[in-house]
N, C-alpha and C. Protein backbone atom coordinates (compact mmCIF):
# COMPACT_ATOMS: atom_id res chain seq x y z
N UNK A 1 -34.03 25.35 5.06
CA UNK A 1 -33.54 24.69 6.62
C UNK A 1 -34.88 25.13 7.40
N UNK A 2 -35.49 24.37 8.48
CA UNK A 2 -35.93 24.91 9.35
C UNK A 2 -35.49 26.08 10.03
N UNK A 3 -35.91 26.82 10.70
CA UNK A 3 -35.70 27.81 11.99
C UNK A 3 -35.25 26.42 13.02
N UNK A 4 -34.54 26.55 14.05
CA UNK A 4 -34.31 25.85 14.87
C UNK A 4 -35.10 26.39 16.28
N UNK A 5 -34.97 28.07 15.96
CA UNK A 5 -35.99 28.74 16.91
C UNK A 5 -37.09 28.57 16.86
N UNK A 6 -38.14 29.00 15.87
CA UNK A 6 -39.86 28.63 15.53
C UNK A 6 -39.96 27.88 14.63
N UNK A 7 -39.26 26.87 13.73
CA UNK A 7 -39.59 26.36 12.97
C UNK A 7 -40.13 26.62 11.73
N UNK A 8 -39.79 27.88 11.35
CA UNK A 8 -40.32 28.07 10.01
C UNK A 8 -39.47 27.24 9.27
N UNK A 9 -40.55 27.20 8.48
CA UNK A 9 -39.50 25.99 7.17
C UNK A 9 -38.50 26.67 6.14
N UNK A 10 -38.12 28.10 6.12
CA UNK A 10 -37.37 28.69 4.79
C UNK A 10 -36.38 28.91 6.21
N UNK A 11 -35.37 29.84 5.55
CA UNK A 11 -34.62 30.65 6.26
C UNK A 11 -33.26 31.14 4.97
N UNK A 12 -33.15 32.87 4.78
CA UNK A 12 -31.80 33.42 4.17
C UNK A 12 -31.06 32.84 4.18
N UNK A 13 -29.50 32.45 3.43
CA UNK A 13 -28.30 32.65 3.99
C UNK A 13 -27.91 34.20 4.23
N UNK A 14 -26.81 34.64 5.17
CA UNK A 14 -26.20 35.54 5.40
C UNK A 14 -25.32 35.80 4.68
N UNK A 15 -24.50 34.67 4.61
CA UNK A 15 -22.80 34.74 4.60
C UNK A 15 -22.42 33.02 4.84
N UNK A 16 -21.85 33.24 3.86
CA UNK A 16 -20.86 31.32 3.49
C UNK A 16 -19.44 31.67 3.55
N UNK A 17 -18.69 30.44 4.09
CA UNK A 17 -17.53 30.40 4.04
C UNK A 17 -17.14 29.11 4.37
N UNK A 18 -15.79 28.88 3.49
CA UNK A 18 -15.41 27.39 3.41
C UNK A 18 -14.58 27.28 4.94
N UNK A 19 -14.75 26.32 5.63
CA UNK A 19 -13.78 26.12 6.65
C UNK A 19 -12.71 26.04 6.38
N UNK A 20 -11.37 25.96 7.62
CA UNK A 20 -9.94 25.87 7.54
C UNK A 20 -9.39 25.12 6.38
N UNK A 21 -9.88 23.68 7.03
CA UNK A 21 -9.57 22.74 5.58
C UNK A 21 -9.95 22.30 4.96
N UNK A 22 -10.90 23.33 4.12
CA UNK A 22 -12.03 23.12 3.16
C UNK A 22 -12.73 22.04 2.85
N UNK A 23 -13.26 21.46 3.70
CA UNK A 23 -14.12 20.39 3.61
C UNK A 23 -15.49 20.43 3.62
N UNK A 24 -15.63 21.44 4.26
CA UNK A 24 -17.41 22.09 4.48
C UNK A 24 -17.53 23.33 4.31
N UNK A 25 -18.37 24.23 4.18
CA UNK A 25 -19.16 25.16 4.03
C UNK A 25 -20.00 25.48 5.34
N UNK A 26 -19.10 26.64 5.87
CA UNK A 26 -20.19 27.10 7.06
C UNK A 26 -20.97 28.27 6.43
N UNK A 27 -22.53 28.02 6.89
CA UNK A 27 -23.10 29.38 6.20
C UNK A 27 -23.78 30.19 7.84
N UNK A 28 -24.09 31.32 7.93
CA UNK A 28 -25.30 32.12 8.62
C UNK A 28 -26.32 32.45 8.02
N UNK A 29 -27.20 31.90 8.79
CA UNK A 29 -28.77 32.41 8.01
C UNK A 29 -29.19 32.82 8.88
N UNK A 30 -30.74 33.43 8.52
CA UNK A 30 -31.32 34.03 9.19
C UNK A 30 -32.80 33.84 8.72
N UNK A 31 -33.66 33.54 10.04
CA UNK A 31 -34.64 33.37 9.61
C UNK A 31 -35.72 34.94 9.56
N UNK A 32 -36.60 34.23 8.51
CA UNK A 32 -37.24 35.66 8.09
C UNK A 32 -38.58 35.87 8.66
N UNK A 33 -38.68 34.89 9.50
CA UNK A 33 -40.02 34.85 10.39
C UNK A 33 -39.73 35.94 11.62
N UNK A 34 -39.00 35.09 12.39
CA UNK A 34 -38.48 35.45 14.17
C UNK A 34 -37.17 36.18 13.65
N UNK A 35 -36.46 36.14 12.83
CA UNK A 35 -35.45 37.40 12.21
C UNK A 35 -34.18 37.07 13.02
N UNK A 36 -34.56 36.00 13.79
CA UNK A 36 -32.86 35.53 14.49
C UNK A 36 -31.74 34.45 13.38
N UNK A 37 -30.77 34.11 13.74
CA UNK A 37 -29.74 34.03 13.45
C UNK A 37 -29.18 32.68 13.54
N UNK A 38 -28.70 31.67 13.00
CA UNK A 38 -28.20 30.57 13.17
C UNK A 38 -27.28 30.39 12.10
N UNK A 39 -26.08 29.14 12.54
CA UNK A 39 -25.47 28.64 12.08
C UNK A 39 -25.63 26.90 11.12
N UNK A 40 -25.22 26.67 9.96
CA UNK A 40 -25.09 25.54 9.57
C UNK A 40 -23.52 25.29 9.25
N UNK A 41 -23.91 23.81 8.90
CA UNK A 41 -22.44 23.36 8.12
C UNK A 41 -22.64 22.60 7.52
N UNK A 42 -22.15 22.41 5.91
CA UNK A 42 -22.50 21.76 4.69
C UNK A 42 -21.22 21.01 4.46
N UNK A 43 -21.36 19.06 5.11
CA UNK A 43 -20.13 18.41 4.13
C UNK A 43 -21.03 17.57 3.57
N UNK A 44 -19.93 17.13 2.08
CA UNK A 44 -20.53 16.54 1.15
C UNK A 44 -20.32 14.89 1.71
N UNK A 45 -21.33 14.26 1.74
CA UNK A 45 -21.56 13.13 2.13
C UNK A 45 -20.30 12.00 1.46
N UNK A 46 -20.03 11.24 2.42
CA UNK A 46 -18.76 10.03 1.56
C UNK A 46 -19.10 8.42 1.58
N UNK A 47 -19.91 8.22 1.07
CA UNK A 47 -20.48 6.54 1.59
C UNK A 47 -18.95 5.39 0.89
N UNK A 48 -19.22 4.30 2.12
CA UNK A 48 -18.35 3.26 2.23
C UNK A 48 -19.21 2.37 1.91
N UNK A 49 -18.81 1.14 0.69
CA UNK A 49 -19.81 0.02 0.49
C UNK A 49 -18.91 -1.06 1.00
N UNK A 50 -19.37 -1.80 2.23
CA UNK A 50 -19.08 -2.67 2.91
C UNK A 50 -18.98 -4.07 2.00
N UNK A 51 -18.18 -4.89 2.26
CA UNK A 51 -18.46 -6.78 1.16
C UNK A 51 -19.81 -7.01 1.99
N UNK A 52 -20.50 -6.90 2.80
CA UNK A 52 -22.01 -7.09 3.02
C UNK A 52 -23.09 -6.76 1.62
N UNK A 53 -22.39 -5.39 1.68
CA UNK A 53 -23.48 -4.90 0.54
C UNK A 53 -24.05 -3.70 1.55
N UNK A 54 -23.90 -3.68 3.18
CA UNK A 54 -24.39 -2.09 3.33
C UNK A 54 -23.52 -1.32 3.21
N UNK A 55 -23.95 -0.19 3.15
CA UNK A 55 -23.56 1.41 3.14
C UNK A 55 -23.47 2.04 4.25
N UNK A 56 -22.42 2.74 4.86
CA UNK A 56 -22.40 3.93 5.93
C UNK A 56 -21.21 4.78 5.39
N UNK A 57 -21.75 6.03 6.54
CA UNK A 57 -20.77 7.01 5.97
C UNK A 57 -19.46 7.19 6.51
N UNK A 58 -18.13 7.30 4.96
CA UNK A 58 -16.83 6.92 5.73
C UNK A 58 -16.75 7.80 7.12
N UNK A 59 -15.92 6.39 7.92
CA UNK A 59 -15.53 7.45 9.37
C UNK A 59 -14.02 7.79 9.43
N UNK A 60 -13.52 8.53 9.39
CA UNK A 60 -11.73 8.68 9.78
C UNK A 60 -11.40 8.37 10.86
N UNK A 61 -12.17 8.43 11.75
CA UNK A 61 -12.08 7.45 13.14
C UNK A 61 -12.45 6.37 13.11
N UNK A 62 -12.68 5.40 12.41
CA UNK A 62 -12.94 3.75 12.27
C UNK A 62 -11.42 3.45 11.09
N UNK A 63 -10.81 4.91 10.57
CA UNK A 63 -9.97 3.88 9.61
C UNK A 63 -8.52 4.26 10.87
N UNK A 64 -8.37 5.18 11.29
CA UNK A 64 -7.97 5.35 12.76
C UNK A 64 -7.77 4.43 14.00
N UNK A 65 -8.48 4.01 14.01
CA UNK A 65 -8.42 2.54 15.11
C UNK A 65 -8.26 1.87 14.61
N UNK A 66 -8.38 1.67 13.12
CA UNK A 66 -7.96 0.09 12.62
C UNK A 66 -6.90 0.32 12.14
N UNK A 67 -6.15 1.51 11.98
CA UNK A 67 -4.54 1.46 11.67
C UNK A 67 -3.64 1.27 13.22
N UNK A 68 -4.31 1.85 14.38
CA UNK A 68 -3.56 2.13 15.38
C UNK A 68 -3.65 0.20 15.83
N UNK A 69 -4.68 -0.67 15.81
CA UNK A 69 -4.18 -2.26 16.01
C UNK A 69 -2.66 -2.38 15.43
N UNK A 70 -2.69 -2.15 14.14
CA UNK A 70 -1.44 -2.44 13.18
C UNK A 70 -0.38 -2.12 14.11
N UNK A 71 -0.15 -0.66 14.60
CA UNK A 71 0.95 0.21 15.44
C UNK A 71 1.18 -0.58 16.92
N UNK A 72 0.17 -1.10 17.31
CA UNK A 72 0.74 -1.26 18.52
C UNK A 72 1.63 -1.80 18.73
N UNK A 73 2.19 -1.39 19.81
CA UNK A 73 3.92 -1.50 20.03
C UNK A 73 4.61 -0.89 19.58
N UNK A 74 4.51 -0.05 18.44
CA UNK A 74 5.15 0.67 17.40
C UNK A 74 5.09 1.90 17.84
N UNK A 75 6.45 2.59 17.33
CA UNK A 75 7.28 4.26 17.71
C UNK A 75 6.01 4.78 17.18
N UNK A 76 4.89 5.36 16.87
CA UNK A 76 4.13 5.97 15.97
C UNK A 76 2.85 6.51 17.35
N UNK A 77 3.19 7.88 16.93
CA UNK A 77 2.25 9.08 18.24
C UNK A 77 0.92 9.01 17.69
N UNK A 78 0.04 9.01 18.44
CA UNK A 78 -1.32 9.18 17.94
C UNK A 78 -1.58 10.99 16.71
N UNK A 79 -0.58 12.18 17.48
CA UNK A 79 -0.65 12.76 16.07
C UNK A 79 -0.14 12.50 14.78
N UNK A 80 0.23 11.42 14.76
CA UNK A 80 0.99 10.84 13.53
C UNK A 80 -0.15 9.80 13.32
N UNK A 81 -1.29 9.03 13.79
CA UNK A 81 -2.51 8.31 13.51
C UNK A 81 -3.42 9.27 12.95
N UNK A 82 -3.22 10.44 13.59
CA UNK A 82 -4.27 11.94 13.40
C UNK A 82 -3.94 12.30 11.95
N UNK A 83 -2.81 12.99 11.46
CA UNK A 83 -2.50 12.60 9.98
C UNK A 83 -2.45 11.77 9.10
N UNK A 84 -2.59 10.95 9.26
CA UNK A 84 -2.36 9.67 8.72
C UNK A 84 -4.02 9.43 8.08
N UNK A 85 -5.30 9.95 9.03
CA UNK A 85 -6.26 9.41 8.64
C UNK A 85 -6.82 10.62 7.66
N UNK A 86 -6.06 11.89 8.44
CA UNK A 86 -6.53 13.08 7.15
C UNK A 86 -6.27 12.93 5.89
N UNK A 87 -4.85 12.52 5.96
CA UNK A 87 -4.48 11.68 4.08
C UNK A 87 -5.20 10.88 3.41
N UNK A 88 -5.65 9.97 4.41
CA UNK A 88 -6.42 8.86 4.08
C UNK A 88 -8.17 9.60 3.47
N UNK A 89 -8.41 10.26 3.91
CA UNK A 89 -9.76 11.09 3.97
C UNK A 89 -9.54 11.94 2.63
N UNK A 90 -8.64 12.64 2.45
CA UNK A 90 -8.39 13.64 1.65
C UNK A 90 -8.09 12.56 0.01
N UNK A 91 -7.54 11.19 -0.08
CA UNK A 91 -7.22 10.40 -0.86
C UNK A 91 -8.56 9.74 -1.51
N UNK A 92 -9.10 9.94 -0.64
CA UNK A 92 -10.99 9.07 -0.80
C UNK A 92 -11.74 9.95 -1.61
N UNK A 93 -11.67 11.23 -0.86
CA UNK A 93 -12.47 12.35 -1.26
C UNK A 93 -11.94 12.79 -2.69
N UNK A 94 -10.65 12.76 -2.83
CA UNK A 94 -10.27 13.46 -4.25
C UNK A 94 -9.90 12.40 -5.13
N UNK A 95 -10.93 11.46 -4.55
CA UNK A 95 -11.23 10.39 -5.63
C UNK A 95 -12.57 10.77 -7.21
N UNK A 96 -13.32 11.77 -6.08
CA UNK A 96 -14.82 12.57 -7.19
C UNK A 96 -15.50 11.88 -6.69
N UNK A 97 -15.88 10.71 -6.10
CA UNK A 97 -17.02 9.16 -6.19
C UNK A 97 -17.38 9.48 -4.73
N UNK A 98 -18.77 9.57 -5.15
CA UNK A 98 -19.25 9.68 -3.19
C UNK A 98 -19.59 8.79 -2.76
N UNK A 99 -19.43 7.23 -3.26
CA UNK A 99 -19.07 5.89 -2.86
C UNK A 99 -18.23 5.17 -3.27
N UNK A 100 -17.88 4.55 -2.22
CA UNK A 100 -16.35 3.83 -2.57
C UNK A 100 -16.31 2.61 -1.60
N UNK A 101 -15.87 1.64 -1.80
CA UNK A 101 -15.59 0.34 -1.33
C UNK A 101 -14.89 0.02 -0.23
N UNK A 102 -14.92 -0.86 0.14
CA UNK A 102 -13.81 -0.62 1.74
C UNK A 102 -12.37 -1.10 1.07
N UNK A 103 -12.23 -2.10 -0.44
CA UNK A 103 -11.41 -2.44 -0.97
C UNK A 103 -10.23 -0.49 -1.19
N UNK A 104 -11.63 0.14 -1.50
CA UNK A 104 -10.92 1.47 -2.08
C UNK A 104 -9.65 2.15 -0.97
N UNK A 105 -10.67 2.02 -0.01
CA UNK A 105 -10.31 2.84 1.64
C UNK A 105 -9.08 1.86 2.01
N UNK A 106 -9.06 0.62 1.99
CA UNK A 106 -7.73 0.35 2.02
C UNK A 106 -6.39 0.63 1.62
N UNK A 107 -6.83 0.45 0.79
CA UNK A 107 -5.76 1.29 -0.40
C UNK A 107 -5.36 2.21 -0.40
N UNK A 108 -6.24 3.30 0.32
CA UNK A 108 -5.48 3.94 0.26
C UNK A 108 -4.94 4.47 2.16
N UNK A 109 -5.20 3.39 2.60
CA UNK A 109 -4.35 3.16 3.93
C UNK A 109 -2.93 3.16 3.82
N UNK A 110 -3.18 1.98 2.97
CA UNK A 110 -1.50 1.00 2.59
C UNK A 110 -0.43 2.45 2.46
N UNK A 111 -0.51 3.26 1.39
CA UNK A 111 0.67 4.40 0.84
C UNK A 111 1.28 5.03 2.24
N UNK A 112 -0.04 5.68 2.96
CA UNK A 112 0.70 6.23 4.05
C UNK A 112 1.53 6.03 5.30
N UNK A 113 0.38 4.25 5.58
CA UNK A 113 0.85 3.96 6.21
C UNK A 113 2.49 2.94 6.21
N UNK A 114 2.76 3.15 4.93
CA UNK A 114 4.03 1.92 4.85
C UNK A 114 4.84 3.48 4.94
N UNK A 115 4.49 4.74 4.41
CA UNK A 115 5.70 5.56 4.85
C UNK A 115 5.79 6.09 6.44
N UNK A 116 4.60 5.82 7.49
CA UNK A 116 4.96 6.27 8.77
C UNK A 116 5.71 4.92 9.31
N UNK A 117 5.68 3.30 9.00
CA UNK A 117 6.09 2.23 9.93
C UNK A 117 5.73 1.56 9.02
N UNK A 118 6.96 0.52 8.71
CA UNK A 118 6.92 -0.62 7.68
C UNK A 118 6.57 -1.96 8.42
N UNK A 119 6.90 -1.59 9.43
CA UNK A 119 6.24 -3.34 10.36
C UNK A 119 4.64 -3.09 10.59
N UNK A 120 4.19 -1.95 10.91
CA UNK A 120 2.82 -1.45 10.97
C UNK A 120 2.24 -1.68 9.83
N UNK A 121 2.70 -1.49 8.54
CA UNK A 121 2.70 -1.67 7.28
C UNK A 121 2.15 -2.83 7.09
N UNK A 122 3.12 -4.07 7.60
CA UNK A 122 3.12 -5.21 7.03
C UNK A 122 2.12 -5.85 7.53
N UNK A 123 1.75 -5.56 9.05
CA UNK A 123 0.92 -6.24 9.99
C UNK A 123 -0.46 -5.66 9.41
N UNK A 124 -0.72 -4.48 8.63
CA UNK A 124 -1.80 -4.06 8.39
C UNK A 124 -1.95 -4.86 6.76
N UNK A 125 -1.03 -5.08 5.86
CA UNK A 125 -1.13 -6.02 4.38
C UNK A 125 -1.56 -7.61 4.83
N UNK A 126 -0.98 -7.63 5.63
CA UNK A 126 -1.43 -8.86 5.86
C UNK A 126 -2.58 -9.42 6.12
N UNK A 127 -3.63 -8.69 6.69
CA UNK A 127 -5.17 -8.64 6.99
C UNK A 127 -5.71 -7.96 5.61
N UNK A 128 -5.26 -7.30 5.16
CA UNK A 128 -6.23 -6.67 4.37
C UNK A 128 -6.17 -7.18 3.06
N UNK A 129 -4.43 -7.98 2.68
CA UNK A 129 -4.43 -8.40 1.49
C UNK A 129 -4.63 -10.20 1.63
N UNK A 130 -4.95 -10.61 2.72
CA UNK A 130 -5.51 -11.39 2.94
C UNK A 130 -3.82 -12.84 3.03
N UNK A 131 -3.14 -12.41 4.37
CA UNK A 131 -1.74 -13.32 3.48
C UNK A 131 -1.68 -14.22 4.07
N UNK A 132 -1.59 -15.88 3.69
CA UNK A 132 -1.89 -17.01 4.09
C UNK A 132 -1.01 -17.83 4.18
N UNK A 133 -0.07 -16.93 4.40
CA UNK A 133 1.56 -18.24 3.71
C UNK A 133 2.50 -16.99 4.36
N UNK A 134 3.74 -18.09 4.89
CA UNK A 134 4.76 -17.43 4.63
C UNK A 134 5.85 -16.73 3.29
N UNK A 135 5.14 -17.23 2.17
CA UNK A 135 5.58 -16.74 1.02
C UNK A 135 5.20 -15.72 0.84
N UNK A 136 4.07 -15.63 1.07
CA UNK A 136 2.88 -13.93 0.84
C UNK A 136 3.40 -13.04 1.59
N UNK A 137 4.17 -12.97 2.90
CA UNK A 137 5.14 -12.25 4.01
C UNK A 137 6.15 -11.63 3.21
N UNK A 138 7.02 -13.24 2.51
CA UNK A 138 8.35 -12.89 1.96
C UNK A 138 8.77 -11.80 0.75
N UNK A 139 7.38 -12.19 -0.03
CA UNK A 139 7.23 -11.17 -1.29
C UNK A 139 6.73 -9.82 -0.83
N UNK A 140 6.03 -9.73 0.16
CA UNK A 140 5.93 -8.36 0.85
C UNK A 140 7.05 -7.76 1.44
N UNK A 141 8.01 -8.22 1.88
CA UNK A 141 9.52 -7.80 2.40
C UNK A 141 10.56 -7.56 1.18
N UNK A 142 10.20 -8.43 0.20
CA UNK A 142 10.97 -8.16 -0.83
C UNK A 142 10.40 -7.05 -1.50
N UNK A 143 9.17 -6.59 -1.62
CA UNK A 143 8.92 -5.82 -2.61
C UNK A 143 9.40 -4.25 -2.10
N UNK A 144 9.26 -4.45 0.05
CA UNK A 144 9.63 -3.23 0.51
C UNK A 144 11.22 -2.95 0.68
N UNK A 145 11.85 -3.64 0.67
CA UNK A 145 13.30 -3.42 0.38
C UNK A 145 13.60 -3.08 -1.11
N UNK A 146 13.29 -3.66 -1.84
CA UNK A 146 13.36 -3.29 -3.83
C UNK A 146 12.70 -1.83 -3.63
N UNK A 147 11.65 -1.05 -2.97
CA UNK A 147 11.37 0.49 -3.42
C UNK A 147 12.23 1.24 -2.50
N UNK A 148 12.54 2.21 -3.03
CA UNK A 148 13.83 3.26 -2.50
C UNK A 148 12.43 4.13 -1.20
N UNK A 149 13.35 4.10 0.17
CA UNK A 149 12.62 5.42 0.89
C UNK A 149 12.14 5.99 0.80
N UNK A 150 11.11 6.32 1.62
CA UNK A 150 10.17 7.77 0.80
C UNK A 150 11.07 9.33 0.79
N UNK A 151 12.27 8.97 1.33
CA UNK A 151 12.71 10.36 0.99
C UNK A 151 13.86 10.02 0.22
N UNK A 152 13.90 8.88 -0.84
CA UNK A 152 14.94 9.07 -1.39
C UNK A 152 13.96 8.90 -2.80
N UNK A 153 12.85 9.16 -2.88
CA UNK A 153 11.76 8.59 -3.72
C UNK A 153 11.85 9.98 -5.01
N UNK A 154 11.96 10.09 -5.99
CA UNK A 154 12.00 11.03 -6.92
C UNK A 154 13.36 12.03 -7.31
N UNK A 155 14.70 11.08 -6.58
CA UNK A 155 15.34 11.84 -6.26
C UNK A 155 16.81 11.37 -7.10
N UNK A 156 16.37 10.15 -7.69
CA UNK A 156 17.13 9.50 -8.06
C UNK A 156 18.33 8.80 -7.27
N UNK A 157 18.45 8.92 -6.59
CA UNK A 157 19.07 7.77 -5.57
C UNK A 157 18.97 6.71 -5.09
N UNK A 158 20.07 6.22 -5.43
CA UNK A 158 19.77 4.21 -5.44
C UNK A 158 19.54 4.06 -4.06
N UNK A 159 18.38 3.54 -3.51
CA UNK A 159 18.43 2.97 -2.07
C UNK A 159 19.36 2.10 -1.80
N UNK A 160 19.95 1.78 -0.39
CA UNK A 160 20.72 0.28 -0.18
C UNK A 160 19.81 -0.37 0.69
N UNK A 161 20.04 -1.47 -0.34
CA UNK A 161 18.91 -2.90 0.29
C UNK A 161 19.74 -3.86 0.88
N UNK A 162 19.56 -3.85 2.03
CA UNK A 162 20.56 -5.32 3.30
C UNK A 162 20.67 -6.36 2.28
N UNK A 163 21.98 -6.96 2.43
CA UNK A 163 22.23 -7.92 1.43
C UNK A 163 22.49 -8.53 3.06
N UNK A 164 22.35 -10.05 2.96
CA UNK A 164 22.33 -11.17 4.12
C UNK A 164 24.05 -11.44 4.10
N UNK A 165 24.60 -11.82 5.24
CA UNK A 165 25.93 -12.52 5.15
C UNK A 165 26.13 -13.72 4.67
N UNK A 166 26.95 -14.38 4.45
CA UNK A 166 26.90 -15.71 3.84
C UNK A 166 28.29 -15.73 4.40
N UNK A 167 28.46 -17.26 4.15
CA UNK A 167 28.99 -17.75 5.28
C UNK A 167 30.88 -17.41 4.39
N UNK A 168 30.92 -16.91 3.09
CA UNK A 168 32.34 -16.71 2.58
C UNK A 168 32.43 -15.32 3.43
N UNK A 169 31.61 -14.95 4.03
CA UNK A 169 32.16 -13.48 4.58
C UNK A 169 32.61 -13.23 5.28
């Protein structure tokens, strides 16, 4: 690491600490030449391979902006979007892979988005999964109705699935 003050090509690490969120390491360094101290932050790079083959760094901001479009007109706060972005980043980092595909990132978005807002989930899934017919939407809606709500998952509770009224009722 070059000293930012005198450009000496070496430095000594004086102190190392992980950041509060655990995604990076903060290092306090000292230059052996000019004795000035400076701070560096190390993060693990996570790359996303796009469909075109181009590789770019993972961006939580891009995830949030994509989900924000699906949430237009929905009662979803910016704070909830930020939390979703953090959950997605944690999920993709937890894979342990240094490179992901856009498909992997999309899959990581679907779960948290479904818990956040089912209408936004349908909007996002319709683009992500390339729905091209009403049957695709119907199948996704049926799947949402069959699955228990997030608060009932793992509790053994049976979800209530709305049943359409018939003429006999």
